Amino acid sequence: MTTPPIALTQARNRPALGTVAELLKPITWFPPMWAFACGVVASGQDIGAHWGLLLVGLVLTGPLVCASSQAVNDWFDRHVDAINEPHRPIPSGRMPGRWGLGIAVGWTALSLLWATLMGPWGFVACALAIALSWAYSAPPVRLKNNGWWGNPPAG
């Protein structure tokens, strides 16, 4: 009996694309994108003259920053989710090994890189949001463990 080629064995250790999408939770992207769009309208600026910046900001707030915070939170809650929500990608094993952490780190880096397109203030705002999302979920800070410190970053 022969063993399968290495490429086939490694492919089994990667999460399916649908599992990655489930980890990034696209359903949660709408509220921050809506908030960004409302801010753009409230600014009184000519949207037509800045439509590219609007699109960059929409991608940044939803598919990048919000998705990275979802991945960070799911990685650091994996032990609790194994009890309460074992069907989620990480505790179910559909997201093998440290893939969840790798996606959280990678999506964070991609968010910060993309944020450079928003100019210095946009980058600083993004970096603050990313720092708060990590501080909310990741030890040793884990702001979510304190009702006073955890609620402002989450809200």
C-alpha atoms as a PDB file:
ATOM      1  CA  MET A   1       0.000   0.000   0.000  1.00  0.00           C
ATOM      2  CA  THR A   2       1.404   3.418  -0.949  1.00  0.00           C
ATOM      3  CA  THR A   3       0.987   6.670   0.919  1.00  0.00           C
ATOM      4  CA  PRO A   4      -0.661   9.631  -0.812  1.00  0.00           C
ATOM      5  CA  PRO A   5       1.563  12.405  -2.152  1.00  0.00           C
ATOM      6  CA  ILE A   6       2.528  15.091   0.369  1.00  0.00           C
ATOM      7  CA  ALA A   7       0.420  17.745  -1.384  1.00  0.00           C
ATOM      8  CA  LEU A   8      -2.744  15.713  -0.784  1.00  0.00           C
ATOM      9  CA  THR A   9      -1.902  15.189   2.873  1.00  0.00           C
ATOM     10  CA  GLN A  10      -1.200  18.883   3.433  1.00  0.00           C
ATOM     11  CA  ALA A  11      -4.406  19.928   1.701  1.00  0.00           C
ATOM     12  CA  ARG A  12      -6.376  18.056   4.372  1.00  0.00           C
ATOM     13  CA  ASN A  13      -4.774  20.244   7.039  1.00  0.00           C
ATOM     14  CA  ARG A  14      -6.156  23.428   5.513  1.00  0.00           C
ATOM     15  CA  PRO A  15      -9.613  24.742   6.294  1.00  0.00           C
ATOM     16  CA  ALA A  16     -12.139  24.882   3.487  1.00  0.00           C
ATOM     17  CA  LEU A  17     -12.822  28.328   2.050  1.00  0.00           C
ATOM     18  CA  GLY A  18     -16.360  28.178   3.449  1.00  0.00           C
ATOM     19  CA  THR A  19     -14.952  27.512   6.911  1.00  0.00           C
ATOM     20  CA  VAL A  20     -12.691  30.567   6.648  1.00  0.00           C
ATOM     21  CA  ALA A  21     -15.694  32.656   5.580  1.00  0.00           C
ATOM     22  CA  GLU A  22     -17.659  31.295   8.542  1.00  0.00           C
ATOM     23  CA  LEU A  23     -14.827  32.329  10.893  1.00  0.00           C
ATOM     24  CA  LEU A  24     -14.796  35.864   9.441  1.00  0.00           C
ATOM     25  CA  LYS A  25     -18.605  36.118   9.899  1.00  0.00           C
ATOM     26  CA  PRO A  26     -19.742  38.256   6.930  1.00  0.00           C
ATOM     27  CA  ILE A  27     -23.167  38.794   8.533  1.00  0.00           C
ATOM     28  CA  THR A  28     -21.475  41.021  11.142  1.00  0.00           C
ATOM     29  CA  TRP A  29     -19.831  43.315   8.598  1.00  0.00           C
ATOM     30  CA  PHE A  30     -22.926  45.365   7.776  1.00  0.00           C
ATOM     31  CA  PRO A  31     -23.226  47.468  10.985  1.00  0.00           C
ATOM     32  CA  PRO A  32     -19.684  48.928  10.899  1.00  0.00           C
ATOM     33  CA  MET A  33     -19.950  49.502   7.156  1.00  0.00           C
ATOM     34  CA  TRP A  34     -23.284  51.273   7.701  1.00  0.00           C
ATOM     35  CA  ALA A  35     -21.782  53.390  10.495  1.00  0.00           C
ATOM     36  CA  PHE A  36     -18.895  54.382   8.225  1.00  0.00           C
ATOM     37  CA  ALA A  37     -21.299  55.281   5.404  1.00  0.00           C
ATOM     38  CA  CYS A  38     -23.406  57.368   7.813  1.00  0.00           C
ATOM     39  CA  GLY A  39     -20.253  59.190   8.909  1.00  0.00           C
ATOM     40  CA  VAL A  40     -19.397  59.924   5.301  1.00  0.00           C
ATOM     41  CA  VAL A  41     -22.869  61.361   4.668  1.00  0.00           C
ATOM     42  CA  ALA A  42     -22.770  63.341   7.924  1.00  0.00           C
ATOM     43  CA  SER A  43     -19.412  64.855   6.949  1.00  0.00           C
ATOM     44  CA  GLY A  44     -21.135  66.859   4.233  1.00  0.00           C
ATOM     45  CA  GLN A  45     -18.388  66.063   1.741  1.00  0.00           C
ATOM     46  CA  ASP A  46     -19.164  65.466  -1.922  1.00  0.00           C
ATOM     47  CA  ILE A  47     -19.417  61.672  -2.111  1.00  0.00           C
ATOM     48  CA  GLY A  48     -19.053  61.730  -5.887  1.00  0.00           C
ATOM     49  CA  ALA A  49     -15.669  63.414  -5.591  1.00  0.00           C
ATOM     50  CA  HIS A  50     -14.475  60.874  -3.010  1.00  0.00           C
ATOM     51  CA  TRP A  51     -16.172  57.633  -4.077  1.00  0.00           C
ATOM     52  CA  GLY A  52     -12.835  55.748  -4.111  1.00  0.00           C
ATOM     53  CA  LEU A  53     -12.162  56.683  -0.501  1.00  0.00           C
ATOM     54  CA  LEU A  54     -15.715  55.645   0.377  1.00  0.00           C
ATOM     55  CA  LEU A  55     -15.153  52.191  -1.131  1.00  0.00           C
ATOM     56  CA  VAL A  56     -11.774  51.826   0.582  1.00  0.00           C
ATOM     57  CA  GLY A  57     -13.398  52.723   3.914  1.00  0.00           C
ATOM     58  CA  LEU A  58     -16.287  50.323   3.435  1.00  0.00           C
ATOM     59  CA  VAL A  59     -13.905  47.447   2.721  1.00  0.00           C
ATOM     60  CA  LEU A  60     -11.759  48.459   5.685  1.00  0.00           C
ATOM     61  CA  THR A  61     -14.596  48.625   8.221  1.00  0.00           C
ATOM     62  CA  GLY A  62     -16.413  45.414   7.270  1.00  0.00           C
ATOM     63  CA  PRO A  63     -14.465  42.698   5.479  1.00  0.00           C
ATOM     64  CA  LEU A  64     -11.167  43.677   7.070  1.00  0.00           C
ATOM     65  CA  VAL A  65     -11.361  45.183  10.580  1.00  0.00           C
ATOM     66  CA  CYS A  66     -14.652  43.625  11.663  1.00  0.00           C
ATOM     67  CA  ALA A  67     -13.672  40.246  10.200  1.00  0.00           C
ATOM     68  CA  SER A  68     -10.271  40.316  11.889  1.00  0.00           C
ATOM     69  CA  SER A  69     -11.888  41.091  15.244  1.00  0.00           C
ATOM     70  CA  GLN A  70     -14.247  38.146  14.750  1.00  0.00           C
ATOM     71  CA  ALA A  71     -11.314  35.823  14.064  1.00  0.00           C
ATOM     72  CA  VAL A  72      -9.390  37.152  17.087  1.00  0.00           C
ATOM     73  CA  ASN A  73     -12.394  36.677  19.346  1.00  0.00           C
ATOM     74  CA  ASP A  74     -13.112  33.149  18.094  1.00  0.00           C
ATOM     75  CA  TRP A  75      -9.489  32.097  18.545  1.00  0.00           C
ATOM     76  CA  PHE A  76      -9.276  33.274  22.139  1.00  0.00           C
ATOM     77  CA  ASP A  77     -12.756  31.932  22.990  1.00  0.00           C
ATOM     78  CA  ARG A  78     -12.142  28.508  21.453  1.00  0.00           C
ATOM     79  CA  HIS A  79     -12.165  26.696  24.828  1.00  0.00           C
ATOM     80  CA  VAL A  80     -15.480  28.239  25.882  1.00  0.00           C
ATOM     81  CA  ASP A  81     -16.922  27.712  22.405  1.00  0.00           C
ATOM     82  CA  ALA A  82     -15.946  24.034  22.608  1.00  0.00           C
ATOM     83  CA  ILE A  83     -18.532  23.757  25.399  1.00  0.00           C
ATOM     84  CA  ASN A  84     -21.164  26.304  24.367  1.00  0.00           C
ATOM     85  CA  GLU A  85     -20.907  26.319  20.569  1.00  0.00           C
ATOM     86  CA  PRO A  86     -18.989  23.212  19.451  1.00  0.00           C
ATOM     87  CA  HIS A  87     -20.240  23.611  15.863  1.00  0.00           C
ATOM     88  CA  ARG A  88     -18.092  26.736  15.289  1.00  0.00           C
ATOM     89  CA  PRO A  89     -15.106  26.358  12.943  1.00  0.00           C
ATOM     90  CA  ILE A  90     -12.303  26.227  15.536  1.00  0.00           C
ATOM     91  CA  PRO A  91     -13.778  23.967  18.242  1.00  0.00           C
ATOM     92  CA  SER A  92     -15.354  21.671  15.662  1.00  0.00           C
ATOM     93  CA  GLY A  93     -11.931  20.973  14.148  1.00  0.00           C
ATOM     94  CA  ARG A  94     -12.932  22.268  10.706  1.00  0.00           C
ATOM     95  CA  MET A  95     -10.319  24.995  11.299  1.00  0.00           C
ATOM     96  CA  PRO A  96      -7.341  22.769  12.161  1.00  0.00           C
ATOM     97  CA  GLY A  97      -4.330  23.549  14.310  1.00  0.00           C
ATOM     98  CA  ARG A  98      -3.389  27.188  14.651  1.00  0.00           C
ATOM     99  CA  TRP A  99      -5.111  28.279  11.450  1.00  0.00           C
ATOM    100  CA  GLY A 100      -7.565  30.432  13.422  1.00  0.00           C
ATOM    101  CA  LEU A 101      -4.740  32.390  15.018  1.00  0.00           C
ATOM    102  CA  GLY A 102      -2.935  32.652  11.678  1.00  0.00           C
ATOM    103  CA  ILE A 103      -6.033  34.076  10.013  1.00  0.00           C
ATOM    104  CA  ALA A 104      -6.535  36.540  12.885  1.00  0.00           C
ATOM    105  CA  VAL A 105      -2.931  37.760  12.598  1.00  0.00           C
ATOM    106  CA  GLY A 106      -2.993  37.813   8.791  1.00  0.00           C
ATOM    107  CA  TRP A 107      -6.306  39.670   8.607  1.00  0.00           C
ATOM    108  CA  THR A 108      -5.016  42.169  11.183  1.00  0.00           C
ATOM    109  CA  ALA A 109      -1.909  42.834   9.078  1.00  0.00           C
ATOM    110  CA  LEU A 110      -4.010  43.119   5.916  1.00  0.00           C
ATOM    111  CA  SER A 111      -6.339  45.577   7.687  1.00  0.00           C
ATOM    112  CA  LEU A 112      -3.437  47.776   8.754  1.00  0.00           C
ATOM    113  CA  LEU A 113      -1.901  47.656   5.295  1.00  0.00           C
ATOM    114  CA  TRP A 114      -5.242  48.566   3.673  1.00  0.00           C
ATOM    115  CA  ALA A 115      -5.727  51.365   6.228  1.00  0.00           C
ATOM    116  CA  THR A 116      -2.713  53.179   4.797  1.00  0.00           C
ATOM    117  CA  LEU A 117      -4.991  53.997   1.838  1.00  0.00           C
ATOM    118  CA  MET A 118      -7.148  56.061   4.215  1.00  0.00           C
ATOM    119  CA  GLY A 119      -4.356  58.505   5.041  1.00  0.00           C
ATOM    120  CA  PRO A 120      -2.672  59.052   8.402  1.00  0.00           C
ATOM    121  CA  TRP A 121      -5.852  59.681  10.421  1.00  0.00           C
ATOM    122  CA  GLY A 122      -7.595  56.705   8.862  1.00  0.00           C
ATOM    123  CA  PHE A 123      -4.610  54.529   9.656  1.00  0.00           C
ATOM    124  CA  VAL A 124      -4.493  55.722  13.285  1.00  0.00           C
ATOM    125  CA  ALA A 125      -8.235  55.094  13.700  1.00  0.00           C
ATOM    126  CA  CYS A 126      -7.838  51.610  12.239  1.00  0.00           C
ATOM    127  CA  ALA A 127      -4.827  50.818  14.422  1.00  0.00           C
ATOM    128  CA  LEU A 128      -6.771  51.888  17.514  1.00  0.00           C
ATOM    129  CA  ALA A 129      -9.749  49.720  16.523  1.00  0.00           C
ATOM    130  CA  ILE A 130      -7.471  46.741  15.888  1.00  0.00           C
ATOM    131  CA  ALA A 131      -5.623  47.257  19.189  1.00  0.00           C
ATOM    132  CA  LEU A 132      -8.937  47.387  21.064  1.00  0.00           C
ATOM    133  CA  SER A 133     -10.204  44.242  19.343  1.00  0.00           C
ATOM    134  CA  TRP A 134      -7.086  42.337  20.420  1.00  0.00           C
ATOM    135  CA  ALA A 135      -7.215  43.823  23.937  1.00  0.00           C
ATOM    136  CA  TYR A 136     -10.886  42.841  24.203  1.00  0.00           C
ATOM    137  CA  SER A 137     -10.259  39.152  23.520  1.00  0.00           C
ATOM    138  CA  ALA A 138      -6.594  38.310  24.024  1.00  0.00           C
ATOM    139  CA  PRO A 139      -4.842  37.604  27.303  1.00  0.00           C
ATOM    140  CA  PRO A 140      -3.366  39.034  29.377  1.00  0.00           C
ATOM    141  CA  VAL A 141      -5.594  42.115  28.978  1.00  0.00           C
ATOM    142  CA  ARG A 142      -8.840  40.371  27.903  1.00  0.00           C
ATOM    143  CA  LEU A 143     -11.088  43.404  28.480  1.00  0.00           C
ATOM    144  CA  LYS A 144     -14.188  41.265  27.997  1.00  0.00           C
ATOM    145  CA  ASN A 145     -13.639  39.848  31.498  1.00  0.00           C
ATOM    146  CA  ASN A 146     -14.499  43.227  33.036  1.00  0.00           C
ATOM    147  CA  GLY A 147     -17.888  44.868  32.583  1.00  0.00           C
ATOM    148  CA  TRP A 148     -16.479  48.359  33.030  1.00  0.00           C
ATOM    149  CA  TRP A 149     -13.479  48.064  30.713  1.00  0.00           C
ATOM    150  CA  GLY A 150     -14.906  45.544  28.256  1.00  0.00           C
ATOM    151  CA  ASN A 151     -18.148  47.218  27.231  1.00  0.00           C
ATOM    152  CA  PRO A 152     -16.814  50.443  25.632  1.00  0.00           C
ATOM    153  CA  PRO A 153     -14.545  48.644  23.112  1.00  0.00           C
ATOM    154  CA  ALA A 154     -17.280  46.121  22.327  1.00  0.00           C
ATOM    155  CA  GLY A 155     -20.005  48.684  21.844  1.00  0.00           C
END
